[in-house]
Amino acid sequence: MGFWVMILSLVSGAILIYLSFASQFSKLAKRISFVVGFLLIAGAIFLATPSGATFVMKIM
């Protein structure tokens, strides 16, 4: 389950970052999509580390 969440976070983050550069949105929408995409990728990388997995297990 956690593996698929990590993969989906990486893919959706990459899509949002791509859209922030390739779209015709306003500057604010481009910034928001870039930041959200970056946070999704950073969260997926954090979940892949042992400390991140331990953190999630403590919450659950």
PDB file of N, CA and C in Angstrom:
ATOM      1  N   MET A   1       0.827  -1.202   0.000  1.00  0.00           N
ATOM      2  CA  MET A   1       0.000   0.000   0.000  1.00  0.00           C
ATOM      3  C   MET A   1       0.866   1.257   0.000  1.00  0.00           C
ATOM      4  N   GLY A   2       1.846   1.300   0.892  1.00  0.00           N
ATOM      5  CA  GLY A   2       2.698   2.474   0.962  1.00  0.00           C
ATOM      6  C   GLY A   2       3.522   2.684  -0.283  1.00  0.00           C
ATOM      7  N   PHE A   3       3.899   1.567  -0.926  1.00  0.00           N
ATOM      8  CA  PHE A   3       4.672   1.663  -2.170  1.00  0.00           C
ATOM      9  C   PHE A   3       3.861   2.353  -3.256  1.00  0.00           C
ATOM     10  N   TRP A   4       2.574   1.992  -3.378  1.00  0.00           N
ATOM     11  CA  TRP A   4       1.743   2.597  -4.407  1.00  0.00           C
ATOM     12  C   TRP A   4       1.447   4.060  -4.106  1.00  0.00           C
ATOM     13  N   VAL A   5       1.309   4.390  -2.839  1.00  0.00           N
ATOM     14  CA  VAL A   5       1.121   5.800  -2.472  1.00  0.00           C
ATOM     15  C   VAL A   5       2.348   6.607  -2.866  1.00  0.00           C
ATOM     16  N   MET A   6       3.536   6.043  -2.637  1.00  0.00           N
ATOM     17  CA  MET A   6       4.767   6.734  -3.007  1.00  0.00           C
ATOM     18  C   MET A   6       4.856   6.920  -4.525  1.00  0.00           C
ATOM     19  N   ILE A   7       4.523   5.873  -5.279  1.00  0.00           N
ATOM     20  CA  ILE A   7       4.572   5.963  -6.740  1.00  0.00           C
ATOM     21  C   ILE A   7       3.569   6.995  -7.252  1.00  0.00           C
ATOM     22  N   LEU A   8       2.340   6.975  -6.723  1.00  0.00           N
ATOM     23  CA  LEU A   8       1.329   7.946  -7.151  1.00  0.00           C
ATOM     24  C   LEU A   8       1.735   9.371  -6.796  1.00  0.00           C
ATOM     25  N   SER A   9       2.378   9.555  -5.652  1.00  0.00           N
ATOM     26  CA  SER A   9       2.845  10.883  -5.267  1.00  0.00           C
ATOM     27  C   SER A   9       3.929  11.378  -6.212  1.00  0.00           C
ATOM     28  N   LEU A  10       4.854  10.505  -6.562  1.00  0.00           N
ATOM     29  CA  LEU A  10       5.916  10.898  -7.496  1.00  0.00           C
ATOM     30  C   LEU A  10       5.344  11.254  -8.865  1.00  0.00           C
ATOM     31  N   VAL A  11       4.434  10.441  -9.368  1.00  0.00           N
ATOM     32  CA  VAL A  11       3.871  10.684 -10.698  1.00  0.00           C
ATOM     33  C   VAL A  11       3.021  11.948 -10.710  1.00  0.00           C
ATOM     34  N   SER A  12       2.156  12.109  -9.717  1.00  0.00           N
ATOM     35  CA  SER A  12       1.311  13.302  -9.706  1.00  0.00           C
ATOM     36  C   SER A  12       2.132  14.564  -9.462  1.00  0.00           C
ATOM     37  N   GLY A  13       3.176  14.462  -8.653  1.00  0.00           N
ATOM     38  CA  GLY A  13       4.060  15.618  -8.464  1.00  0.00           C
ATOM     39  C   GLY A  13       4.771  15.998  -9.741  1.00  0.00           C
ATOM     40  N   ALA A  14       5.236  14.988 -10.478  1.00  0.00           N
ATOM     41  CA  ALA A  14       5.906  15.272 -11.746  1.00  0.00           C
ATOM     42  C   ALA A  14       4.949  15.885 -12.763  1.00  0.00           C
ATOM     43  N   ILE A  15       3.719  15.410 -12.784  1.00  0.00           N
ATOM     44  CA  ILE A  15       2.728  15.975 -13.704  1.00  0.00           C
ATOM     45  C   ILE A  15       2.427  17.421 -13.341  1.00  0.00           C
ATOM     46  N   LEU A  16       2.282  17.708 -12.054  1.00  0.00           N
ATOM     47  CA  LEU A  16       1.997  19.089 -11.643  1.00  0.00           C
ATOM     48  C   LEU A  16       3.159  20.018 -11.962  1.00  0.00           C
ATOM     49  N   ILE A  17       4.385  19.553 -11.754  1.00  0.00           N
ATOM     50  CA  ILE A  17       5.534  20.396 -12.089  1.00  0.00           C
ATOM     51  C   ILE A  17       5.603  20.623 -13.595  1.00  0.00           C
ATOM     52  N   TYR A  18       5.334  19.589 -14.379  1.00  0.00           N
ATOM     53  CA  TYR A  18       5.311  19.745 -15.834  1.00  0.00           C
ATOM     54  C   TYR A  18       4.235  20.753 -16.258  1.00  0.00           C
ATOM     55  N   LEU A  19       3.053  20.645 -15.666  1.00  0.00           N
ATOM     56  CA  LEU A  19       1.970  21.575 -16.010  1.00  0.00           C
ATOM     57  C   LEU A  19       2.297  23.001 -15.600  1.00  0.00           C
ATOM     58  N   SER A  20       3.082  23.159 -14.535  1.00  0.00           N
ATOM     59  CA  SER A  20       3.413  24.515 -14.114  1.00  0.00           C
ATOM     60  C   SER A  20       4.311  25.206 -15.138  1.00  0.00           C
ATOM     61  N   PHE A  21       5.053  24.429 -15.925  1.00  0.00           N
ATOM     62  CA  PHE A  21       5.899  25.032 -16.958  1.00  0.00           C
ATOM     63  C   PHE A  21       5.221  25.063 -18.327  1.00  0.00           C
ATOM     64  N   ALA A  22       4.384  24.087 -18.623  1.00  0.00           N
ATOM     65  CA  ALA A  22       3.862  23.942 -19.975  1.00  0.00           C
ATOM     66  C   ALA A  22       2.458  24.496 -20.168  1.00  0.00           C
ATOM     67  N   SER A  23       1.831  25.001 -19.133  1.00  0.00           N
ATOM     68  CA  SER A  23       0.431  25.406 -19.254  1.00  0.00           C
ATOM     69  C   SER A  23       0.300  26.902 -19.498  1.00  0.00           C
ATOM     70  N   GLN A  24      -0.900  27.296 -19.783  1.00  0.00           N
ATOM     71  CA  GLN A  24      -1.220  28.708 -20.013  1.00  0.00           C
ATOM     72  C   GLN A  24      -1.961  29.300 -18.816  1.00  0.00           C
ATOM     73  N   PHE A  25      -1.723  28.742 -17.629  1.00  0.00           N
ATOM     74  CA  PHE A  25      -2.361  29.254 -16.421  1.00  0.00           C
ATOM     75  C   PHE A  25      -1.775  30.613 -16.054  1.00  0.00           C
ATOM     76  N   SER A  26      -2.398  31.248 -15.085  1.00  0.00           N
ATOM     77  CA  SER A  26      -1.857  32.497 -14.570  1.00  0.00           C
ATOM     78  C   SER A  26      -0.590  32.209 -13.772  1.00  0.00           C
ATOM     79  N   LYS A  27       0.146  33.252 -13.448  1.00  0.00           N
ATOM     80  CA  LYS A  27       1.394  33.056 -12.704  1.00  0.00           C
ATOM     81  C   LYS A  27       1.145  32.453 -11.330  1.00  0.00           C
ATOM     82  N   LEU A  28       0.065  32.861 -10.675  1.00  0.00           N
ATOM     83  CA  LEU A  28      -0.242  32.315  -9.357  1.00  0.00           C
ATOM     84  C   LEU A  28      -0.572  30.824  -9.441  1.00  0.00           C
ATOM     85  N   ALA A  29      -1.358  30.439 -10.451  1.00  0.00           N
ATOM     86  CA  ALA A  29      -1.702  29.022 -10.608  1.00  0.00           C
ATOM     87  C   ALA A  29      -0.465  28.202 -10.940  1.00  0.00           C
ATOM     88  N   LYS A  30       0.458  28.765 -11.735  1.00  0.00           N
ATOM     89  CA  LYS A  30       1.698  28.057 -12.050  1.00  0.00           C
ATOM     90  C   LYS A  30       2.539  27.859 -10.793  1.00  0.00           C
ATOM     91  N   ARG A  31       2.625  28.890  -9.965  1.00  0.00           N
ATOM     92  CA  ARG A  31       3.396  28.778  -8.724  1.00  0.00           C
ATOM     93  C   ARG A  31       2.797  27.746  -7.778  1.00  0.00           C
ATOM     94  N   ILE A  32       1.468  27.776  -7.650  1.00  0.00           N
ATOM     95  CA  ILE A  32       0.793  26.840  -6.753  1.00  0.00           C
ATOM     96  C   ILE A  32       0.997  25.407  -7.228  1.00  0.00           C
ATOM     97  N   SER A  33       0.846  25.159  -8.532  1.00  0.00           N
ATOM     98  CA  SER A  33       1.022  23.793  -9.023  1.00  0.00           C
ATOM     99  C   SER A  33       2.467  23.337  -8.879  1.00  0.00           C
ATOM    100  N   PHE A  34       3.426  24.245  -9.037  1.00  0.00           N
ATOM    101  CA  PHE A  34       4.824  23.868  -8.845  1.00  0.00           C
ATOM    102  C   PHE A  34       5.092  23.513  -7.391  1.00  0.00           C
ATOM    103  N   VAL A  35       4.596  24.322  -6.470  1.00  0.00           N
ATOM    104  CA  VAL A  35       4.839  24.075  -5.046  1.00  0.00           C
ATOM    105  C   VAL A  35       4.168  22.778  -4.600  1.00  0.00           C
ATOM    106  N   VAL A  36       2.936  22.547  -5.023  1.00  0.00           N
ATOM    107  CA  VAL A  36       2.239  21.320  -4.642  1.00  0.00           C
ATOM    108  C   VAL A  36       2.939  20.098  -5.237  1.00  0.00           C
ATOM    109  N   GLY A  37       3.387  20.195  -6.490  1.00  0.00           N
ATOM    110  CA  GLY A  37       4.127  19.096  -7.095  1.00  0.00           C
ATOM    111  C   GLY A  37       5.430  18.814  -6.382  1.00  0.00           C
ATOM    112  N   PHE A  38       6.132  19.874  -6.013  1.00  0.00           N
ATOM    113  CA  PHE A  38       7.385  19.708  -5.277  1.00  0.00           C
ATOM    114  C   PHE A  38       7.141  19.063  -3.920  1.00  0.00           C
ATOM    115  N   LEU A  39       6.078  19.490  -3.218  1.00  0.00           N
ATOM    116  CA  LEU A  39       5.767  18.901  -1.919  1.00  0.00           C
ATOM    117  C   LEU A  39       5.362  17.435  -2.035  1.00  0.00           C
ATOM    118  N   LEU A  40       4.652  17.078  -3.109  1.00  0.00           N
ATOM    119  CA  LEU A  40       4.297  15.673  -3.310  1.00  0.00           C
ATOM    120  C   LEU A  40       5.532  14.811  -3.517  1.00  0.00           C
ATOM    121  N   ILE A  41       6.470  15.305  -4.336  1.00  0.00           N
ATOM    122  CA  ILE A  41       7.699  14.549  -4.575  1.00  0.00           C
ATOM    123  C   ILE A  41       8.539  14.475  -3.306  1.00  0.00           C
ATOM    124  N   ALA A  42       8.643  15.581  -2.579  1.00  0.00           N
ATOM    125  CA  ALA A  42       9.417  15.568  -1.336  1.00  0.00           C
ATOM    126  C   ALA A  42       8.784  14.629  -0.317  1.00  0.00           C
ATOM    127  N   GLY A  43       7.459  14.594  -0.242  1.00  0.00           N
ATOM    128  CA  GLY A  43       6.777  13.679   0.672  1.00  0.00           C
ATOM    129  C   GLY A  43       7.003  12.228   0.302  1.00  0.00           C
ATOM    130  N   ALA A  44       7.015  11.934  -1.009  1.00  0.00           N
ATOM    131  CA  ALA A  44       7.264  10.556  -1.439  1.00  0.00           C
ATOM    132  C   ALA A  44       8.687  10.141  -1.109  1.00  0.00           C
ATOM    133  N   ILE A  45       9.636  11.041  -1.280  1.00  0.00           N
ATOM    134  CA  ILE A  45      11.027  10.724  -0.937  1.00  0.00           C
ATOM    135  C   ILE A  45      11.169  10.551   0.573  1.00  0.00           C
ATOM    136  N   PHE A  46      10.476  11.375   1.353  1.00  0.00           N
ATOM    137  CA  PHE A  46      10.514  11.241   2.805  1.00  0.00           C
ATOM    138  C   PHE A  46       9.937   9.901   3.250  1.00  0.00           C
ATOM    139  N   LEU A  47       8.859   9.461   2.588  1.00  0.00           N
ATOM    140  CA  LEU A  47       8.276   8.164   2.937  1.00  0.00           C
ATOM    141  C   LEU A  47       9.207   7.009   2.594  1.00  0.00           C
ATOM    142  N   ALA A  48      10.071   7.204   1.608  1.00  0.00           N
ATOM    143  CA  ALA A  48      10.984   6.135   1.207  1.00  0.00           C
ATOM    144  C   ALA A  48      12.139   5.967   2.185  1.00  0.00           C
ATOM    145  N   THR A  49      12.414   6.964   3.000  1.00  0.00           N
ATOM    146  CA  THR A  49      13.514   6.859   3.958  1.00  0.00           C
ATOM    147  C   THR A  49      13.051   6.091   5.190  1.00  0.00           C
ATOM    148  N   PRO A  50      13.963   5.442   5.891  1.00  0.00           N
ATOM    149  CA  PRO A  50      13.565   4.705   7.102  1.00  0.00           C
ATOM    150  C   PRO A  50      12.953   5.600   8.177  1.00  0.00           C
ATOM    151  N   SER A  51      13.467   6.815   8.344  1.00  0.00           N
ATOM    152  CA  SER A  51      12.896   7.700   9.358  1.00  0.00           C
ATOM    153  C   SER A  51      11.478   8.132   8.988  1.00  0.00           C
ATOM    154  N   GLY A  52      11.231   8.323   7.704  1.00  0.00           N
ATOM    155  CA  GLY A  52       9.892   8.680   7.256  1.00  0.00           C
ATOM    156  C   GLY A  52       8.899   7.553   7.459  1.00  0.00           C
ATOM    157  N   ALA A  53       9.349   6.316   7.194  1.00  0.00           N
ATOM    158  CA  ALA A  53       8.473   5.169   7.407  1.00  0.00           C
ATOM    159  C   ALA A  53       8.175   4.990   8.889  1.00  0.00           C
ATOM    160  N   THR A  54       9.180   5.217   9.734  1.00  0.00           N
ATOM    161  CA  THR A  54       8.980   5.121  11.185  1.00  0.00           C
ATOM    162  C   THR A  54       8.006   6.202  11.656  1.00  0.00           C
ATOM    163  N   PHE A  55       8.131   7.395  11.112  1.00  0.00           N
ATOM    164  CA  PHE A  55       7.234   8.495  11.454  1.00  0.00           C
ATOM    165  C   PHE A  55       5.795   8.153  11.125  1.00  0.00           C
ATOM    166  N   VAL A  56       5.565   7.586   9.955  1.00  0.00           N
ATOM    167  CA  VAL A  56       4.207   7.216   9.550  1.00  0.00           C
ATOM    168  C   VAL A  56       3.665   6.107  10.427  1.00  0.00           C
ATOM    169  N   MET A  57       4.515   5.153  10.781  1.00  0.00           N
ATOM    170  CA  MET A  57       4.050   4.055  11.633  1.00  0.00           C
ATOM    171  C   MET A  57       3.705   4.548  13.043  1.00  0.00           C
ATOM    172  N   LYS A  58       4.414   5.568  13.522  1.00  0.00           N
ATOM    173  CA  LYS A  58       4.098   6.124  14.840  1.00  0.00           C
ATOM    174  C   LYS A  58       2.749   6.831  14.813  1.00  0.00           C
ATOM    175  N   ILE A  59       2.430   7.499  13.694  1.00  0.00           N
ATOM    176  CA  ILE A  59       1.148   8.187  13.578  1.00  0.00           C
ATOM    177  C   ILE A  59       0.012   7.177  13.554  1.00  0.00           C
ATOM    178  N   MET A  60       0.215   6.084  12.844  1.00  0.00           N
ATOM    179  CA  MET A  60      -0.843   5.065  12.736  1.00  0.00           C
ATOM    180  C   MET A  60      -0.871   4.251  13.992  1.00  0.00           C
TER     181      MET A  60
END
